[in-house]
Amino acid sequence: MNRPAHTEDGESLVAPPLDEGPAPGPPWDLPLSEAPLAFLDLEMTGLDTRLHHVCELAVRRVRGGVVEGQLVSLVRPGSAVAASQEYHGLDDAMLVSAPPLGSLATEIAALLEGAVLVGHGLAADLAFLGAAAERGELAPPPRFALDTL
């Protein structure tokens, strides 16, 4: 599913272009077969980072085709998911016993540490990770990433 790159009130989720790229050195300068890659996918309760939250998370860290670690978890968002249930199939009853995002912070950070973040339609996912960081739930997301979109 393609996610719009804006909030429900029209605010852009797309970061402005950067004047520089990632710093020279690993992981960006490594051959693809040696670079740690962290594949990310999130599901959210909506599209507005101020009102909605992550309700499912998947991160898989791969190097040279070998899975080094992964985390797949439902996430208790702290708000109802009824409006977005048709998109991701999750309902409030499924999420009531899920861990809050902040309790997964250490595991998420370990999977992302020193890796190239990869995802499809990352603008929204990065915006939600950034919002969680601003709330003190997670470390800030990586500044650079590869979007397959």
C-alpha atoms as a PDB file:
ATOM      1  CA  MET A   1       0.000   0.000   0.000  1.00  0.00           C
ATOM      2  CA  ASN A   2       1.344   3.445  -0.902  1.00  0.00           C
ATOM      3  CA  ARG A   3       1.058   5.968   1.893  1.00  0.00           C
ATOM      4  CA  PRO A   4       0.503   9.651   1.141  1.00  0.00           C
ATOM      5  CA  ALA A   5       3.456  11.880   1.931  1.00  0.00           C
ATOM      6  CA  HIS A   6       1.336  14.366   3.887  1.00  0.00           C
ATOM      7  CA  THR A   7      -0.766  14.545   7.021  1.00  0.00           C
ATOM      8  CA  GLU A   8      -4.548  14.680   6.938  1.00  0.00           C
ATOM      9  CA  ASP A   9      -4.387  18.490   7.169  1.00  0.00           C
ATOM     10  CA  GLY A  10      -1.958  18.727   4.232  1.00  0.00           C
ATOM     11  CA  GLU A  11       1.338  19.109   6.124  1.00  0.00           C
ATOM     12  CA  SER A  12       4.194  17.504   4.202  1.00  0.00           C
ATOM     13  CA  LEU A  13       5.843  14.383   5.611  1.00  0.00           C
ATOM     14  CA  VAL A  14       8.601  14.582   3.007  1.00  0.00           C
ATOM     15  CA  ALA A  15      11.866  15.929   4.358  1.00  0.00           C
ATOM     16  CA  PRO A  16      13.475  18.766   2.412  1.00  0.00           C
ATOM     17  CA  PRO A  17      16.435  17.760   0.252  1.00  0.00           C
ATOM     18  CA  LEU A  18      19.769  17.634   2.052  1.00  0.00           C
ATOM     19  CA  ASP A  19      22.762  19.538   0.739  1.00  0.00           C
ATOM     20  CA  GLU A  20      25.146  16.741   1.651  1.00  0.00           C
ATOM     21  CA  GLY A  21      25.052  12.979   1.715  1.00  0.00           C
ATOM     22  CA  PRO A  22      26.052  10.587   4.462  1.00  0.00           C
ATOM     23  CA  ALA A  23      29.554  10.906   5.889  1.00  0.00           C
ATOM     24  CA  PRO A  24      32.212   8.862   4.091  1.00  0.00           C
ATOM     25  CA  GLY A  25      32.850   5.458   5.593  1.00  0.00           C
ATOM     26  CA  PRO A  26      30.813   2.474   6.679  1.00  0.00           C
ATOM     27  CA  PRO A  27      28.106   1.494   6.159  1.00  0.00           C
ATOM     28  CA  TRP A  28      27.552   3.697   3.095  1.00  0.00           C
ATOM     29  CA  ASP A  29      30.920   3.004   1.423  1.00  0.00           C
ATOM     30  CA  LEU A  30      30.856  -0.763   1.906  1.00  0.00           C
ATOM     31  CA  PRO A  31      30.082  -3.159  -0.936  1.00  0.00           C
ATOM     32  CA  LEU A  32      26.423  -4.144  -0.805  1.00  0.00           C
ATOM     33  CA  SER A  33      27.361  -7.704   0.193  1.00  0.00           C
ATOM     34  CA  GLU A  34      29.133  -6.349   3.315  1.00  0.00           C
ATOM     35  CA  ALA A  35      26.873  -3.471   4.322  1.00  0.00           C
ATOM     36  CA  PRO A  36      24.426  -4.024   7.180  1.00  0.00           C
ATOM     37  CA  LEU A  37      20.923  -3.208   5.910  1.00  0.00           C
ATOM     38  CA  ALA A  38      17.975  -2.586   8.244  1.00  0.00           C
ATOM     39  CA  PHE A  39      14.653  -3.058   6.457  1.00  0.00           C
ATOM     40  CA  LEU A  40      11.798  -1.172   8.143  1.00  0.00           C
ATOM     41  CA  ASP A  41       8.035  -1.231   7.804  1.00  0.00           C
ATOM     42  CA  LEU A  42       5.498   0.441  10.093  1.00  0.00           C
ATOM     43  CA  GLU A  43       1.725   0.509  10.333  1.00  0.00           C
ATOM     44  CA  MET A  44       0.100   3.530  11.922  1.00  0.00           C
ATOM     45  CA  THR A  45      -3.303   4.487  13.304  1.00  0.00           C
ATOM     46  CA  GLY A  46      -3.500   7.339  10.788  1.00  0.00           C
ATOM     47  CA  LEU A  47      -1.303   9.744   8.862  1.00  0.00           C
ATOM     48  CA  ASP A  48      -0.932  12.715  11.209  1.00  0.00           C
ATOM     49  CA  THR A  49       2.150  12.365  13.425  1.00  0.00           C
ATOM     50  CA  ARG A  50       0.593  14.689  16.004  1.00  0.00           C
ATOM     51  CA  LEU A  51      -2.568  12.610  16.428  1.00  0.00           C
ATOM     52  CA  HIS A  52      -1.697   9.083  15.357  1.00  0.00           C
ATOM     53  CA  HIS A  53       0.846   6.484  16.428  1.00  0.00           C
ATOM     54  CA  VAL A  54       2.679   3.349  15.328  1.00  0.00           C
ATOM     55  CA  CYS A  55       0.588   0.197  15.837  1.00  0.00           C
ATOM     56  CA  GLU A  56       2.846  -2.391  14.198  1.00  0.00           C
ATOM     57  CA  LEU A  57       6.575  -2.494  13.550  1.00  0.00           C
ATOM     58  CA  ALA A  58       8.928  -4.755  11.624  1.00  0.00           C
ATOM     59  CA  VAL A  59      12.711  -4.337  11.396  1.00  0.00           C
ATOM     60  CA  ARG A  60      14.991  -6.951   9.855  1.00  0.00           C
ATOM     61  CA  ARG A  61      18.765  -6.479   9.840  1.00  0.00           C
ATOM     62  CA  VAL A  62      20.569  -8.298   7.014  1.00  0.00           C
ATOM     63  CA  ARG A  63      24.212  -8.447   5.950  1.00  0.00           C
ATOM     64  CA  GLY A  64      25.332 -10.388   2.898  1.00  0.00           C
ATOM     65  CA  GLY A  65      21.975 -12.149   2.693  1.00  0.00           C
ATOM     66  CA  VAL A  66      22.195 -13.378   6.301  1.00  0.00           C
ATOM     67  CA  VAL A  67      19.601 -12.182   8.809  1.00  0.00           C
ATOM     68  CA  GLU A  68      21.482 -10.766  11.808  1.00  0.00           C
ATOM     69  CA  GLY A  69      18.385  -9.906  13.809  1.00  0.00           C
ATOM     70  CA  GLN A  70      14.767  -8.902  13.563  1.00  0.00           C
ATOM     71  CA  LEU A  71      11.880  -7.491  15.503  1.00  0.00           C
ATOM     72  CA  VAL A  72       8.261  -7.923  14.475  1.00  0.00           C
ATOM     73  CA  SER A  73       5.729  -6.646  16.980  1.00  0.00           C
ATOM     74  CA  LEU A  74       2.298  -5.235  17.378  1.00  0.00           C
ATOM     75  CA  VAL A  75       2.519  -1.940  19.265  1.00  0.00           C
ATOM     76  CA  ARG A  76      -0.010  -0.512  21.719  1.00  0.00           C
ATOM     77  CA  PRO A  77      -0.560   2.934  20.207  1.00  0.00           C
ATOM     78  CA  GLY A  78      -2.357   4.641  23.079  1.00  0.00           C
ATOM     79  CA  SER A  79      -5.163   5.710  20.733  1.00  0.00           C
ATOM     80  CA  ALA A  80      -7.960   3.878  18.931  1.00  0.00           C
ATOM     81  CA  VAL A  81      -7.255   2.296  15.557  1.00  0.00           C
ATOM     82  CA  ALA A  82     -10.858   2.043  14.335  1.00  0.00           C
ATOM     83  CA  ALA A  83     -10.447   4.638  11.566  1.00  0.00           C
ATOM     84  CA  SER A  84      -7.418   2.861  10.057  1.00  0.00           C
ATOM     85  CA  GLN A  85      -8.463  -0.756  10.648  1.00  0.00           C
ATOM     86  CA  GLU A  86      -9.496  -1.228   7.020  1.00  0.00           C
ATOM     87  CA  TYR A  87      -5.914  -0.497   5.874  1.00  0.00           C
ATOM     88  CA  HIS A  88      -3.907  -2.759   8.168  1.00  0.00           C
ATOM     89  CA  GLY A  89      -6.481  -5.181   9.599  1.00  0.00           C
ATOM     90  CA  LEU A  90      -5.567  -4.459  13.217  1.00  0.00           C
ATOM     91  CA  ASP A  91      -8.193  -3.672  15.825  1.00  0.00           C
ATOM     92  CA  ASP A  92      -8.078  -2.363  19.387  1.00  0.00           C
ATOM     93  CA  ALA A  93      -8.571  -5.830  20.890  1.00  0.00           C
ATOM     94  CA  MET A  94      -5.453  -7.107  19.092  1.00  0.00           C
ATOM     95  CA  LEU A  95      -3.335  -4.231  20.399  1.00  0.00           C
ATOM     96  CA  VAL A  96      -4.489  -3.965  24.019  1.00  0.00           C
ATOM     97  CA  SER A  97      -1.814  -6.355  25.280  1.00  0.00           C
ATOM     98  CA  ALA A  98       0.919  -5.256  22.836  1.00  0.00           C
ATOM     99  CA  PRO A  99       3.963  -3.437  24.224  1.00  0.00           C
ATOM    100  CA  PRO A 100       4.161   0.354  23.915  1.00  0.00           C
ATOM    101  CA  LEU A 101       6.675   1.612  21.356  1.00  0.00           C
ATOM    102  CA  GLY A 102       9.049   2.963  24.009  1.00  0.00           C
ATOM    103  CA  SER A 103       9.525  -0.486  25.518  1.00  0.00           C
ATOM    104  CA  LEU A 104      10.950  -1.666  22.173  1.00  0.00           C
ATOM    105  CA  ALA A 105      13.422   1.239  21.900  1.00  0.00           C
ATOM    106  CA  THR A 106      16.565  -0.683  22.880  1.00  0.00           C
ATOM    107  CA  GLU A 107      15.848  -3.495  20.422  1.00  0.00           C
ATOM    108  CA  ILE A 108      15.005  -1.060  17.616  1.00  0.00           C
ATOM    109  CA  ALA A 109      18.171   0.976  18.236  1.00  0.00           C
ATOM    110  CA  ALA A 110      20.340  -2.153  18.184  1.00  0.00           C
ATOM    111  CA  LEU A 111      18.912  -3.262  14.838  1.00  0.00           C
ATOM    112  CA  LEU A 112      19.349   0.185  13.262  1.00  0.00           C
ATOM    113  CA  GLU A 113      22.795   0.954  14.752  1.00  0.00           C
ATOM    114  CA  GLY A 114      25.403   1.320  12.004  1.00  0.00           C
ATOM    115  CA  ALA A 115      23.076   0.012   9.296  1.00  0.00           C
ATOM    116  CA  VAL A 116      21.689   1.520   6.131  1.00  0.00           C
ATOM    117  CA  LEU A 117      17.959   1.965   6.727  1.00  0.00           C
ATOM    118  CA  VAL A 118      15.896   0.627   3.799  1.00  0.00           C
ATOM    119  CA  GLY A 119      12.160   0.806   3.247  1.00  0.00           C
ATOM    120  CA  HIS A 120       9.368   1.446   0.787  1.00  0.00           C
ATOM    121  CA  GLY A 121       7.689   4.832   1.115  1.00  0.00           C
ATOM    122  CA  LEU A 122       9.932   5.777   4.046  1.00  0.00           C
ATOM    123  CA  ALA A 123       8.779   9.391   4.330  1.00  0.00           C
ATOM    124  CA  ALA A 124       5.817   8.508   6.542  1.00  0.00           C
ATOM    125  CA  ASP A 125       7.705   5.872   8.537  1.00  0.00           C
ATOM    126  CA  LEU A 126      10.567   8.287   9.257  1.00  0.00           C
ATOM    127  CA  ALA A 127       8.106  11.022  10.214  1.00  0.00           C
ATOM    128  CA  PHE A 128       6.482   8.707  12.763  1.00  0.00           C
ATOM    129  CA  LEU A 129       9.842   7.563  14.140  1.00  0.00           C
ATOM    130  CA  GLY A 130      10.848  11.216  14.422  1.00  0.00           C
ATOM    131  CA  ALA A 131       7.626  12.066  16.258  1.00  0.00           C
ATOM    132  CA  ALA A 132       8.231   9.160  18.656  1.00  0.00           C
ATOM    133  CA  ALA A 133      11.753  10.491  19.248  1.00  0.00           C
ATOM    134  CA  GLU A 134      10.371  13.951  20.004  1.00  0.00           C
ATOM    135  CA  ARG A 135       8.062  12.358  22.597  1.00  0.00           C
ATOM    136  CA  GLY A 136      11.076  10.603  24.147  1.00  0.00           C
ATOM    137  CA  GLU A 137       9.973   7.092  23.156  1.00  0.00           C
ATOM    138  CA  LEU A 138      12.813   6.307  20.721  1.00  0.00           C
ATOM    139  CA  ALA A 139      16.220   7.567  19.634  1.00  0.00           C
ATOM    140  CA  PRO A 140      16.044   9.859  16.586  1.00  0.00           C
ATOM    141  CA  PRO A 141      15.824   7.926  13.315  1.00  0.00           C
ATOM    142  CA  PRO A 142      18.801   7.799  10.963  1.00  0.00           C
ATOM    143  CA  ARG A 143      19.296  10.943   8.918  1.00  0.00           C
ATOM    144  CA  PHE A 144      19.910   9.043   5.691  1.00  0.00           C
ATOM    145  CA  ALA A 145      18.017   6.082   4.263  1.00  0.00           C
ATOM    146  CA  LEU A 146      17.296   4.252   1.019  1.00  0.00           C
ATOM    147  CA  ASP A 147      13.690   4.409  -0.148  1.00  0.00           C
ATOM    148  CA  THR A 148      12.661   1.787  -2.697  1.00  0.00           C
ATOM    149  CA  LEU A 149       9.708   3.878  -3.845  1.00  0.00           C
END
